[in-house]
Amino acid sequence: MALVVLGFSACAITGGDLIVRVSGRLPEVEVDDLQGVVCKMDAVSARTGESSMGKVVAANFSVPMMMVVGPEAAPYFFEVDCENGERYQSREFLIGSRQPHSNGIDVGELQKKK
């Protein structure tokens, strides 16, 4: 049991993998246009542009995302790319291994990128 506690403590100090549930939706006017279209969501570092492994999402989504984060909070946004060329983006969120995300992150309605 002590090893498990040390593992969690080390992650909080040095950062590492973080699994967080991300919920949200694509704009309502676009939902009908997405029938049969695959869309993938990534978590993107606003500082570096690096992104996480993407998850396939529907127009309304709630998915677990694994992110590699540092101990200090850093700005990230969530971006959805659809195979029909449509792109959507959330606002920025501060995410770090020391930040509480037990309730997940609700990104709300994503904005269409131009």
Protein backbone atom coordinates (compact mmCIF):
# COMPACT_ATOMS: atom_id res chain seq x y z
CA MET A 1 0.00 0.00 0.00
CA ALA A 2 2.87 2.39 0.76
CA LEU A 3 4.18 2.03 -2.80
CA VAL A 4 0.81 3.10 -4.21
CA VAL A 5 0.77 6.22 -2.03
CA LEU A 6 4.33 7.06 -3.03
CA GLY A 7 3.41 6.63 -6.71
CA PHE A 8 0.54 9.08 -6.44
CA SER A 9 2.69 11.54 -4.48
CA ALA A 10 5.45 11.38 -7.09
CA CYS A 11 2.96 12.08 -9.87
CA ALA A 12 1.69 15.15 -8.03
CA ILE A 13 5.26 16.40 -7.61
CA THR A 14 6.68 15.62 -11.06
CA GLY A 15 3.56 15.40 -13.22
CA GLY A 16 2.70 12.50 -15.49
CA ASP A 17 -0.34 10.82 -16.96
CA LEU A 18 -3.69 12.30 -15.98
CA ILE A 19 -7.02 10.79 -16.94
CA VAL A 20 -9.88 13.26 -16.93
CA ARG A 21 -13.45 12.98 -18.25
CA VAL A 22 -14.18 15.68 -20.82
CA SER A 23 -17.82 16.49 -21.63
CA GLY A 24 -19.31 18.90 -24.12
CA ARG A 25 -21.12 19.30 -27.40
CA LEU A 26 -20.66 20.54 -30.92
CA PRO A 27 -22.84 23.45 -32.07
CA GLU A 28 -26.50 22.38 -32.40
CA VAL A 29 -26.82 23.66 -35.97
CA GLU A 30 -24.06 21.27 -37.02
CA VAL A 31 -25.43 18.06 -35.43
CA ASP A 32 -27.51 17.00 -38.46
CA ASP A 33 -24.53 17.53 -40.75
CA LEU A 34 -22.47 15.01 -38.75
CA GLN A 35 -24.57 11.92 -39.45
CA GLY A 36 -22.04 9.20 -40.29
CA VAL A 37 -19.07 11.57 -39.98
CA VAL A 38 -16.20 10.59 -37.67
CA CYS A 39 -14.89 13.36 -35.41
CA LYS A 40 -11.81 13.12 -33.19
CA MET A 41 -11.06 15.26 -30.13
CA ASP A 42 -7.55 16.11 -28.92
CA ALA A 43 -6.32 17.95 -25.83
CA VAL A 44 -3.85 20.58 -27.07
CA SER A 45 -1.24 22.46 -25.05
CA ALA A 46 -1.82 26.17 -25.67
CA ARG A 47 1.89 26.78 -24.96
CA THR A 48 3.51 24.15 -27.18
CA GLY A 49 0.80 23.01 -29.59
CA GLU A 50 1.44 19.37 -28.62
CA SER A 51 -1.67 17.22 -28.52
CA SER A 52 -2.79 14.07 -26.76
CA MET A 53 -4.04 10.87 -28.33
CA GLY A 54 -7.40 11.69 -29.85
CA LYS A 55 -10.77 10.21 -28.92
CA VAL A 56 -13.63 9.68 -31.33
CA VAL A 57 -16.60 11.81 -30.21
CA ALA A 58 -20.21 12.34 -31.20
CA ALA A 59 -22.08 15.66 -31.31
CA ASN A 60 -22.69 15.31 -27.54
CA PHE A 61 -19.75 13.68 -25.80
CA SER A 62 -18.39 12.60 -22.43
CA VAL A 63 -15.12 10.70 -22.83
CA PRO A 64 -12.09 9.91 -20.68
CA MET A 65 -8.94 11.58 -21.99
CA MET A 66 -5.40 10.62 -20.99
CA MET A 67 -3.08 13.59 -20.92
CA VAL A 68 0.59 13.96 -19.99
CA VAL A 69 0.79 17.03 -17.77
CA GLY A 70 3.25 18.71 -15.45
CA PRO A 71 2.71 19.37 -11.76
CA GLU A 72 1.90 23.04 -12.31
CA ALA A 73 -1.28 24.02 -14.13
CA ALA A 74 -0.81 24.94 -17.79
CA PRO A 75 -3.31 26.14 -20.42
CA TYR A 76 -4.92 23.50 -22.65
CA PHE A 77 -7.82 23.59 -25.07
CA PHE A 78 -9.81 20.82 -26.69
CA GLU A 79 -10.06 20.61 -30.45
CA VAL A 80 -12.37 18.43 -32.56
CA ASP A 81 -11.47 17.62 -36.16
CA CYS A 82 -14.10 15.92 -38.31
CA GLU A 83 -13.39 13.93 -41.45
CA ASN A 84 -15.67 16.29 -43.41
CA GLY A 85 -13.18 19.13 -42.75
CA GLU A 86 -15.13 20.83 -39.96
CA ARG A 87 -13.09 21.90 -36.91
CA TYR A 88 -14.20 23.01 -33.46
CA GLN A 89 -12.36 24.36 -30.42
CA SER A 90 -13.03 24.97 -26.72
CA ARG A 91 -11.83 27.82 -24.60
CA GLU A 92 -8.62 27.29 -22.60
CA PHE A 93 -8.54 25.39 -19.29
CA LEU A 94 -5.74 25.27 -16.71
CA ILE A 95 -4.80 21.61 -16.22
CA GLY A 96 -2.04 20.12 -14.06
CA SER A 97 -1.45 17.06 -11.90
CA ARG A 98 -2.05 19.12 -8.74
CA GLN A 99 -5.36 20.53 -9.99
CA PRO A 100 -8.56 18.78 -8.85
CA HIS A 101 -10.42 17.33 -11.84
CA SER A 102 -12.41 14.60 -10.09
CA ASN A 103 -15.67 15.94 -11.55
CA GLY A 104 -14.19 16.13 -15.03
CA ILE A 105 -14.09 19.12 -17.35
CA ASP A 106 -17.23 20.44 -19.00
CA VAL A 107 -16.10 22.31 -22.11
CA GLY A 108 -19.67 23.33 -22.98
CA GLU A 109 -20.43 24.09 -26.61
CA LEU A 110 -17.35 24.18 -28.80
CA GLN A 111 -16.89 27.00 -31.29
CA LYS A 112 -16.49 26.33 -35.01
CA LYS A 113 -13.01 27.20 -36.28
CA LYS A 114 -12.72 29.13 -39.51
